[in-house]
Amino acid sequence: AGLLTPYDAQELVTALKETVAIPIDMHTHYTSGVASM
């Protein structure tokens, strides 16, 4: 739904990279206008 804002994404990915060793893929939609950031 394009709910993930830039700094929340940074926090989430950082936390997940510290938690798991497998690669992480980010999938979002432009609906709310923040997706590229």
PDB file of all heavy atoms in Angstrom:
ATOM      1  N   ALA A   1       0.807  -1.223   0.000  1.00  0.00           N
ATOM      2  CA  ALA A   1       0.000   0.000   0.000  1.00  0.00           C
ATOM      3  C   ALA A   1       0.843   1.278   0.000  1.00  0.00           C
ATOM      4  O   ALA A   1       0.303   2.379   0.034  1.00  0.00           O
ATOM      5  CB  ALA A   1      -0.933   0.005   1.213  1.00  0.00           C
ATOM      6  N   GLY A   2       2.161   1.146  -0.040  1.00  0.00           N
ATOM      7  CA  GLY A   2       3.012   2.333  -0.025  1.00  0.00           C
ATOM      8  C   GLY A   2       2.996   3.046   1.315  1.00  0.00           C
ATOM      9  O   GLY A   2       2.969   4.273   1.399  1.00  0.00           O
ATOM     10  N   LEU A   3       2.997   2.260   2.395  1.00  0.00           N
ATOM     11  CA  LEU A   3       2.904   2.822   3.751  1.00  0.00           C
ATOM     12  C   LEU A   3       4.263   3.094   4.373  1.00  0.00           C
ATOM     13  O   LEU A   3       4.364   3.817   5.362  1.00  0.00           O
ATOM     14  CB  LEU A   3       2.150   1.841   4.665  1.00  0.00           C
ATOM     15  CG  LEU A   3       0.756   1.417   4.229  1.00  0.00           C
ATOM     16  CD1 LEU A   3       0.208   0.371   5.192  1.00  0.00           C
ATOM     17  CD2 LEU A   3      -0.176   2.613   4.167  1.00  0.00           C
ATOM     18  N   LEU A   4       5.312   2.513   3.795  1.00  0.00           N
ATOM     19  CA  LEU A   4       6.641   2.586   4.398  1.00  0.00           C
ATOM     20  C   LEU A   4       7.328   3.888   3.996  1.00  0.00           C
ATOM     21  O   LEU A   4       7.646   4.108   2.822  1.00  0.00           O
ATOM     22  CB  LEU A   4       7.468   1.378   3.952  1.00  0.00           C
ATOM     23  CG  LEU A   4       8.754   1.048   4.693  1.00  0.00           C
ATOM     24  CD1 LEU A   4       8.541   0.991   6.206  1.00  0.00           C
ATOM     25  CD2 LEU A   4       9.317  -0.268   4.193  1.00  0.00           C
ATOM     26  N   THR A   5       7.546   4.768   4.950  1.00  0.00           N
ATOM     27  CA  THR A   5       8.181   6.058   4.684  1.00  0.00           C
ATOM     28  C   THR A   5       9.711   5.901   4.767  1.00  0.00           C
ATOM     29  O   THR A   5      10.211   4.930   5.352  1.00  0.00           O
ATOM     30  CB  THR A   5       7.681   7.121   5.676  1.00  0.00           C
ATOM     31  OG1 THR A   5       7.861   6.630   7.007  1.00  0.00           O
ATOM     32  CG2 THR A   5       6.203   7.431   5.443  1.00  0.00           C
ATOM     33  N   PRO A   6      10.469   6.837   4.182  1.00  0.00           N
ATOM     34  CA  PRO A   6      11.917   6.655   4.028  1.00  0.00           C
ATOM     35  C   PRO A   6      12.683   6.317   5.308  1.00  0.00           C
ATOM     36  O   PRO A   6      13.448   5.344   5.324  1.00  0.00           O
ATOM     37  CB  PRO A   6      12.370   7.990   3.434  1.00  0.00           C
ATOM     38  CG  PRO A   6      11.172   8.473   2.673  1.00  0.00           C
ATOM     39  CD  PRO A   6       9.994   8.041   3.471  1.00  0.00           C
ATOM     40  N   TYR A   7      12.502   7.082   6.366  1.00  0.00           N
ATOM     41  CA  TYR A   7      13.305   6.832   7.563  1.00  0.00           C
ATOM     42  C   TYR A   7      12.832   5.599   8.330  1.00  0.00           C
ATOM     43  O   TYR A   7      13.634   4.928   8.986  1.00  0.00           O
ATOM     44  CB  TYR A   7      13.351   8.085   8.445  1.00  0.00           C
ATOM     45  CG  TYR A   7      14.219   9.156   7.815  1.00  0.00           C
ATOM     46  CD1 TYR A   7      13.644  10.197   7.096  1.00  0.00           C
ATOM     47  CD2 TYR A   7      15.606   9.077   7.891  1.00  0.00           C
ATOM     48  CE1 TYR A   7      14.442  11.154   6.474  1.00  0.00           C
ATOM     49  CE2 TYR A   7      16.412  10.028   7.286  1.00  0.00           C
ATOM     50  CZ  TYR A   7      15.830  11.075   6.570  1.00  0.00           C
ATOM     51  OH  TYR A   7      16.623  12.006   5.955  1.00  0.00           O
ATOM     52  N   ASP A   8      11.538   5.275   8.213  1.00  0.00           N
ATOM     53  CA  ASP A   8      11.055   4.021   8.795  1.00  0.00           C
ATOM     54  C   ASP A   8      11.645   2.824   8.037  1.00  0.00           C
ATOM     55  O   ASP A   8      11.976   1.793   8.622  1.00  0.00           O
ATOM     56  CB  ASP A   8       9.523   3.954   8.756  1.00  0.00           C
ATOM     57  CG  ASP A   8       8.881   4.833   9.817  1.00  0.00           C
ATOM     58  OD1 ASP A   8       9.601   5.262  10.742  1.00  0.00           O
ATOM     59  OD2 ASP A   8       7.670   5.106   9.715  1.00  0.00           O
ATOM     60  N   ALA A   9      11.791   2.986   6.713  1.00  0.00           N
ATOM     61  CA  ALA A   9      12.398   1.928   5.896  1.00  0.00           C
ATOM     62  C   ALA A   9      13.852   1.718   6.304  1.00  0.00           C
ATOM     63  O   ALA A   9      14.325   0.577   6.423  1.00  0.00           O
ATOM     64  CB  ALA A   9      12.312   2.289   4.416  1.00  0.00           C
ATOM     65  N   GLN A  10      14.558   2.824   6.515  1.00  0.00           N
ATOM     66  CA  GLN A  10      15.952   2.746   6.942  1.00  0.00           C
ATOM     67  C   GLN A  10      16.069   1.992   8.275  1.00  0.00           C
ATOM     68  O   GLN A  10      16.908   1.100   8.430  1.00  0.00           O
ATOM     69  CB  GLN A  10      16.524   4.157   7.088  1.00  0.00           C
ATOM     70  CG  GLN A  10      17.992   4.200   7.454  1.00  0.00           C
ATOM     71  CD  GLN A  10      18.494   5.633   7.594  1.00  0.00           C
ATOM     72  OE1 GLN A  10      17.814   6.499   8.137  1.00  0.00           O
ATOM     73  NE2 GLN A  10      19.691   5.888   7.087  1.00  0.00           N
ATOM     74  N   GLU A  11      15.190   2.329   9.204  1.00  0.00           N
ATOM     75  CA  GLU A  11      15.209   1.687  10.523  1.00  0.00           C
ATOM     76  C   GLU A  11      14.868   0.202  10.409  1.00  0.00           C
ATOM     77  O   GLU A  11      15.520  -0.653  11.025  1.00  0.00           O
ATOM     78  CB  GLU A  11      14.197   2.386  11.445  1.00  0.00           C
ATOM     79  CG  GLU A  11      14.162   1.818  12.850  1.00  0.00           C
ATOM     80  CD  GLU A  11      13.088   2.457  13.725  1.00  0.00           C
ATOM     81  OE1 GLU A  11      11.979   2.727  13.205  1.00  0.00           O
ATOM     82  OE2 GLU A  11      13.346   2.668  14.923  1.00  0.00           O
ATOM     83  N   LEU A  12      13.857  -0.113   9.591  1.00  0.00           N
ATOM     84  CA  LEU A  12      13.413  -1.499   9.441  1.00  0.00           C
ATOM     85  C   LEU A  12      14.491  -2.361   8.784  1.00  0.00           C
ATOM     86  O   LEU A  12      14.804  -3.458   9.267  1.00  0.00           O
ATOM     87  CB  LEU A  12      12.114  -1.549   8.626  1.00  0.00           C
ATOM     88  CG  LEU A  12      11.527  -2.931   8.340  1.00  0.00           C
ATOM     89  CD1 LEU A  12      11.216  -3.682   9.630  1.00  0.00           C
ATOM     90  CD2 LEU A  12      10.272  -2.815   7.470  1.00  0.00           C
ATOM     91  N   VAL A  13      15.058  -1.874   7.672  1.00  0.00           N
ATOM     92  CA  VAL A  13      16.083  -2.652   6.970  1.00  0.00           C
ATOM     93  C   VAL A  13      17.310  -2.846   7.855  1.00  0.00           C
ATOM     94  O   VAL A  13      17.874  -3.945   7.926  1.00  0.00           O
ATOM     95  CB  VAL A  13      16.462  -1.981   5.629  1.00  0.00           C
ATOM     96  CG1 VAL A  13      17.676  -2.680   5.007  1.00  0.00           C
ATOM     97  CG2 VAL A  13      15.287  -2.023   4.658  1.00  0.00           C
ATOM     98  N   THR A  14      17.713  -1.804   8.550  1.00  0.00           N
ATOM     99  CA  THR A  14      18.864  -1.913   9.460  1.00  0.00           C
ATOM    100  C   THR A  14      18.631  -3.003  10.503  1.00  0.00           C
ATOM    101  O   THR A  14      19.492  -3.852  10.753  1.00  0.00           O
ATOM    102  CB  THR A  14      19.126  -0.561  10.167  1.00  0.00           C
ATOM    103  OG1 THR A  14      19.400   0.428   9.176  1.00  0.00           O
ATOM    104  CG2 THR A  14      20.313  -0.655  11.121  1.00  0.00           C
ATOM    105  N   ALA A  15      17.423  -2.998  11.085  1.00  0.00           N
ATOM    106  CA  ALA A  15      17.086  -3.991  12.117  1.00  0.00           C
ATOM    107  C   ALA A  15      17.063  -5.402  11.540  1.00  0.00           C
ATOM    108  O   ALA A  15      17.560  -6.353  12.170  1.00  0.00           O
ATOM    109  CB  ALA A  15      15.731  -3.656  12.735  1.00  0.00           C
ATOM    110  N   LEU A  16      16.514  -5.556  10.328  1.00  0.00           N
ATOM    111  CA  LEU A  16      16.416  -6.885   9.719  1.00  0.00           C
ATOM    112  C   LEU A  16      17.783  -7.413   9.298  1.00  0.00           C
ATOM    113  O   LEU A  16      18.053  -8.608   9.402  1.00  0.00           O
ATOM    114  CB  LEU A  16      15.458  -6.856   8.525  1.00  0.00           C
ATOM    115  CG  LEU A  16      13.981  -6.595   8.853  1.00  0.00           C
ATOM    116  CD1 LEU A  16      13.137  -6.617   7.588  1.00  0.00           C
ATOM    117  CD2 LEU A  16      13.440  -7.600   9.857  1.00  0.00           C
ATOM    118  N   LYS A  17      18.655  -6.523   8.819  1.00  0.00           N
ATOM    119  CA  LYS A  17      19.998  -6.946   8.417  1.00  0.00           C
ATOM    120  C   LYS A  17      20.795  -7.434   9.630  1.00  0.00           C
ATOM    121  O   LYS A  17      21.666  -8.295   9.509  1.00  0.00           O
ATOM    122  CB  LYS A  17      20.756  -5.793   7.736  1.00  0.00           C
ATOM    123  CG  LYS A  17      20.238  -5.419   6.362  1.00  0.00           C
ATOM    124  CD  LYS A  17      20.292  -6.529   5.330  1.00  0.00           C
ATOM    125  CE  LYS A  17      21.649  -6.768   4.759  1.00  0.00           C
ATOM    126  NZ  LYS A  17      21.632  -7.760   3.645  1.00  0.00           N
ATOM    127  N   GLU A  18      20.480  -6.884  10.797  1.00  0.00           N
ATOM    128  CA  GLU A  18      21.140  -7.331  12.029  1.00  0.00           C
ATOM    129  C   GLU A  18      20.546  -8.643  12.540  1.00  0.00           C
ATOM    130  O   GLU A  18      21.160  -9.345  13.341  1.00  0.00           O
ATOM    131  CB  GLU A  18      20.998  -6.253  13.118  1.00  0.00           C
ATOM    132  CG  GLU A  18      21.804  -4.993  12.853  1.00  0.00           C
ATOM    133  CD  GLU A  18      21.441  -3.844  13.784  1.00  0.00           C
ATOM    134  OE1 GLU A  18      20.500  -4.017  14.601  1.00  0.00           O
ATOM    135  OE2 GLU A  18      22.076  -2.775  13.694  1.00  0.00           O
ATOM    136  N   THR A  19      19.331  -8.970  12.048  1.00  0.00           N
ATOM    137  CA  THR A  19      18.603 -10.133  12.562  1.00  0.00           C
ATOM    138  C   THR A  19      18.807 -11.382  11.717  1.00  0.00           C
ATOM    139  O   THR A  19      18.904 -12.491  12.245  1.00  0.00           O
ATOM    140  CB  THR A  19      17.089  -9.812  12.641  1.00  0.00           C
ATOM    141  OG1 THR A  19      16.917  -8.627  13.422  1.00  0.00           O
ATOM    142  CG2 THR A  19      16.303 -10.945  13.266  1.00  0.00           C
ATOM    143  N   VAL A  20      18.840 -11.211  10.381  1.00  0.00           N
ATOM    144  CA  VAL A  20      18.944 -12.373   9.484  1.00  0.00           C
ATOM    145  C   VAL A  20      20.112 -12.213   8.518  1.00  0.00           C
ATOM    146  O   VAL A  20      20.559 -11.095   8.238  1.00  0.00           O
ATOM    147  CB  VAL A  20      17.636 -12.588   8.679  1.00  0.00           C
ATOM    148  CG1 VAL A  20      16.485 -12.939   9.602  1.00  0.00           C
ATOM    149  CG2 VAL A  20      17.292 -11.369   7.818  1.00  0.00           C
ATOM    150  N   ALA A  21      20.582 -13.342   7.984  1.00  0.00           N
ATOM    151  CA  ALA A  21      21.714 -13.336   7.049  1.00  0.00           C
ATOM    152  C   ALA A  21      21.261 -13.418   5.589  1.00  0.00           C
ATOM    153  O   ALA A  21      22.044 -13.145   4.679  1.00  0.00           O
ATOM    154  CB  ALA A  21      22.646 -14.500   7.366  1.00  0.00           C
ATOM    155  N   ILE A  22      19.990 -13.787   5.347  1.00  0.00           N
ATOM    156  CA  ILE A  22      19.512 -13.938   3.969  1.00  0.00           C
ATOM    157  C   ILE A  22      19.282 -12.554   3.326  1.00  0.00           C
ATOM    158  O   ILE A  22      19.047 -11.569   4.028  1.00  0.00           O
ATOM    159  CB  ILE A  22      18.216 -14.791   3.906  1.00  0.00           C
ATOM    160  CG1 ILE A  22      17.130 -14.223   4.838  1.00  0.00           C
ATOM    161  CG2 ILE A  22      18.516 -16.240   4.234  1.00  0.00           C
ATOM    162  CD1 ILE A  22      15.810 -14.972   4.786  1.00  0.00           C
ATOM    163  N   PRO A  23      19.366 -12.476   1.970  1.00  0.00           N
ATOM    164  CA  PRO A  23      19.170 -11.193   1.282  1.00  0.00           C
ATOM    165  C   PRO A  23      17.778 -10.606   1.546  1.00  0.00           C
ATOM    166  O   PRO A  23      16.805 -11.343   1.766  1.00  0.00           O
ATOM    167  CB  PRO A  23      19.330 -11.557  -0.198  1.00  0.00           C
ATOM    168  CG  PRO A  23      20.095 -12.831  -0.202  1.00  0.00           C
ATOM    169  CD  PRO A  23      19.697 -13.560   1.041  1.00  0.00           C
ATOM    170  N   ILE A  24      17.701  -9.267   1.502  1.00  0.00           N
ATOM    171  CA  ILE A  24      16.436  -8.576   1.741  1.00  0.00           C
ATOM    172  C   ILE A  24      16.025  -7.798   0.497  1.00  0.00           C
ATOM    173  O   ILE A  24      16.802  -7.025  -0.066  1.00  0.00           O
ATOM    174  CB  ILE A  24      16.540  -7.631   2.956  1.00  0.00           C
ATOM    175  CG1 ILE A  24      16.744  -8.456   4.229  1.00  0.00           C
ATOM    176  CG2 ILE A  24      15.292  -6.757   3.078  1.00  0.00           C
ATOM    177  CD1 ILE A  24      16.990  -7.660   5.477  1.00  0.00           C
ATOM    178  N   ASP A  25      14.793  -8.026   0.062  1.00  0.00           N
ATOM    179  CA  ASP A  25      14.187  -7.375  -1.099  1.00  0.00           C
ATOM    180  C   ASP A  25      13.146  -6.388  -0.574  1.00  0.00           C
ATOM    181  O   ASP A  25      12.370  -6.720   0.313  1.00  0.00           O
ATOM    182  CB  ASP A  25      13.521  -8.464  -1.957  1.00  0.00           C
ATOM    183  CG  ASP A  25      13.026  -7.962  -3.313  1.00  0.00           C
ATOM    184  OD1 ASP A  25      12.615  -6.796  -3.409  1.00  0.00           O
ATOM    185  OD2 ASP A  25      13.011  -8.763  -4.265  1.00  0.00           O
ATOM    186  N   MET A  26      13.162  -5.181  -1.127  1.00  0.00           N
ATOM    187  CA  MET A  26      12.149  -4.185  -0.737  1.00  0.00           C
ATOM    188  C   MET A  26      11.169  -3.992  -1.890  1.00  0.00           C
ATOM    189  O   MET A  26      11.570  -3.702  -3.021  1.00  0.00           O
ATOM    190  CB  MET A  26      12.827  -2.851  -0.396  1.00  0.00           C
ATOM    191  CG  MET A  26      11.864  -1.709  -0.113  1.00  0.00           C
ATOM    192  SD  MET A  26      10.981  -1.898   1.447  1.00  0.00           S
ATOM    193  CE  MET A  26      12.256  -1.455   2.611  1.00  0.00           C
ATOM    194  N   HIS A  27       9.887  -4.166  -1.589  1.00  0.00           N
ATOM    195  CA  HIS A  27       8.824  -3.998  -2.584  1.00  0.00           C
ATOM    196  C   HIS A  27       7.845  -2.960  -2.053  1.00  0.00           C
ATOM    197  O   HIS A  27       7.320  -3.103  -0.950  1.00  0.00           O
ATOM    198  CB  HIS A  27       8.105  -5.336  -2.808  1.00  0.00           C
ATOM    199  CG  HIS A  27       6.883  -5.236  -3.668  1.00  0.00           C
ATOM    200  ND1 HIS A  27       6.917  -5.458  -5.031  1.00  0.00           N
ATOM    201  CD2 HIS A  27       5.595  -4.921  -3.378  1.00  0.00           C
ATOM    202  CE1 HIS A  27       5.696  -5.289  -5.525  1.00  0.00           C
ATOM    203  NE2 HIS A  27       4.878  -4.964  -4.549  1.00  0.00           N
ATOM    204  N   THR A  28       7.616  -1.900  -2.831  1.00  0.00           N
ATOM    205  CA  THR A  28       6.640  -0.906  -2.399  1.00  0.00           C
ATOM    206  C   THR A  28       5.871  -0.366  -3.595  1.00  0.00           C
ATOM    207  O   THR A  28       6.142  -0.739  -4.737  1.00  0.00           O
ATOM    208  CB  THR A  28       7.308   0.244  -1.608  1.00  0.00           C
ATOM    209  OG1 THR A  28       6.301   1.058  -1.009  1.00  0.00           O
ATOM    210  CG2 THR A  28       8.189   1.118  -2.499  1.00  0.00           C
ATOM    211  N   HIS A  29       4.912   0.487  -3.332  1.00  0.00           N
ATOM    212  CA  HIS A  29       4.092   1.123  -4.375  1.00  0.00           C
ATOM    213  C   HIS A  29       4.129   2.630  -4.185  1.00  0.00           C
ATOM    214  O   HIS A  29       4.306   3.120  -3.074  1.00  0.00           O
ATOM    215  CB  HIS A  29       2.647   0.608  -4.310  1.00  0.00           C
ATOM    216  CG  HIS A  29       2.503  -0.826  -4.729  1.00  0.00           C
ATOM    217  ND1 HIS A  29       1.874  -1.214  -5.892  1.00  0.00           N
ATOM    218  CD2 HIS A  29       2.925  -1.980  -4.147  1.00  0.00           C
ATOM    219  CE1 HIS A  29       1.909  -2.532  -6.001  1.00  0.00           C
ATOM    220  NE2 HIS A  29       2.541  -3.018  -4.950  1.00  0.00           N
ATOM    221  N   TYR A  30       3.907   3.349  -5.288  1.00  0.00           N
ATOM    222  CA  TYR A  30       4.065   4.805  -5.279  1.00  0.00           C
ATOM    223  C   TYR A  30       2.825   5.542  -4.758  1.00  0.00           C
ATOM    224  O   TYR A  30       2.784   6.771  -4.748  1.00  0.00           O
ATOM    225  CB  TYR A  30       4.387   5.296  -6.704  1.00  0.00           C
ATOM    226  CG  TYR A  30       5.330   6.461  -6.724  1.00  0.00           C
ATOM    227  CD1 TYR A  30       6.697   6.253  -6.767  1.00  0.00           C
ATOM    228  CD2 TYR A  30       4.865   7.769  -6.683  1.00  0.00           C
ATOM    229  CE1 TYR A  30       7.582   7.315  -6.779  1.00  0.00           C
ATOM    230  CE2 TYR A  30       5.743   8.841  -6.688  1.00  0.00           C
ATOM    231  CZ  TYR A  30       7.097   8.602  -6.736  1.00  0.00           C
ATOM    232  OH  TYR A  30       7.966   9.658  -6.735  1.00  0.00           O
ATOM    233  N   THR A  31       1.836   4.796  -4.327  1.00  0.00           N
ATOM    234  CA  THR A  31       0.516   5.344  -3.999  1.00  0.00           C
ATOM    235  C   THR A  31       0.568   6.581  -3.110  1.00  0.00           C
ATOM    236  O   THR A  31      -0.149   7.553  -3.339  1.00  0.00           O
ATOM    237  CB  THR A  31      -0.340   4.253  -3.310  1.00  0.00           C
ATOM    238  OG1 THR A  31      -0.068   2.995  -3.934  1.00  0.00           O
ATOM    239  CG2 THR A  31      -1.815   4.553  -3.442  1.00  0.00           C
ATOM    240  N   SER A  32       1.410   6.559  -2.079  1.00  0.00           N
ATOM    241  CA  SER A  32       1.468   7.699  -1.150  1.00  0.00           C
ATOM    242  C   SER A  32       2.507   8.735  -1.556  1.00  0.00           C
ATOM    243  O   SER A  32       2.626   9.788  -0.915  1.00  0.00           O
ATOM    244  CB  SER A  32       1.762   7.201   0.268  1.00  0.00           C
ATOM    245  OG  SER A  32       3.037   6.574   0.301  1.00  0.00           O
ATOM    246  N   GLY A  33       3.282   8.447  -2.616  1.00  0.00           N
ATOM    247  CA  GLY A  33       4.213   9.434  -3.153  1.00  0.00           C
ATOM    248  C   GLY A  33       5.630   9.383  -2.617  1.00  0.00           C
ATOM    249  O   GLY A  33       6.484  10.162  -3.047  1.00  0.00           O
ATOM    250  N   VAL A  34       5.922   8.480  -1.675  1.00  0.00           N
ATOM    251  CA  VAL A  34       7.252   8.482  -1.041  1.00  0.00           C
ATOM    252  C   VAL A  34       8.151   7.328  -1.488  1.00  0.00           C
ATOM    253  O   VAL A  34       9.289   7.219  -1.034  1.00  0.00           O
ATOM    254  CB  VAL A  34       7.128   8.450   0.511  1.00  0.00           C
ATOM    255  CG1 VAL A  34       6.367   9.654   1.022  1.00  0.00           C
ATOM    256  CG2 VAL A  34       6.467   7.147   0.982  1.00  0.00           C
ATOM    257  N   ALA A  35       7.671   6.490  -2.382  1.00  0.00           N
ATOM    258  CA  ALA A  35       8.337   5.209  -2.665  1.00  0.00           C
ATOM    259  C   ALA A  35       9.792   5.323  -3.121  1.00  0.00           C
ATOM    260  O   ALA A  35      10.644   4.545  -2.691  1.00  0.00           O
ATOM    261  CB  ALA A  35       7.532   4.421  -3.690  1.00  0.00           C
ATOM    262  N   SER A  36      10.112   6.260  -4.013  1.00  0.00           N
ATOM    263  CA  SER A  36      11.489   6.380  -4.502  1.00  0.00           C
ATOM    264  C   SER A  36      12.437   6.742  -3.366  1.00  0.00           C
ATOM    265  O   SER A  36      13.553   6.220  -3.279  1.00  0.00           O
ATOM    266  CB  SER A  36      11.572   7.440  -5.608  1.00  0.00           C
ATOM    267  OG  SER A  36      10.833   7.030  -6.734  1.00  0.00           O
ATOM    268  N   MET A  37      11.987   7.641  -2.489  1.00  0.00           N
ATOM    269  CA  MET A  37      12.817   8.028  -1.335  1.00  0.00           C
ATOM    270  C   MET A  37      12.941   6.863  -0.354  1.00  0.00           C
ATOM    271  O   MET A  37      13.995   6.659   0.253  1.00  0.00           O
ATOM    272  CB  MET A  37      12.218   9.252  -0.648  1.00  0.00           C
ATOM    273  CG  MET A  37      12.248  10.501  -1.512  1.00  0.00           C
ATOM    274  SD  MET A  37      11.506  11.940  -0.697  1.00  0.00           S
ATOM    275  CE  MET A  37       9.754  11.591  -0.892  1.00  0.00           C
TER     276      MET A  37
END
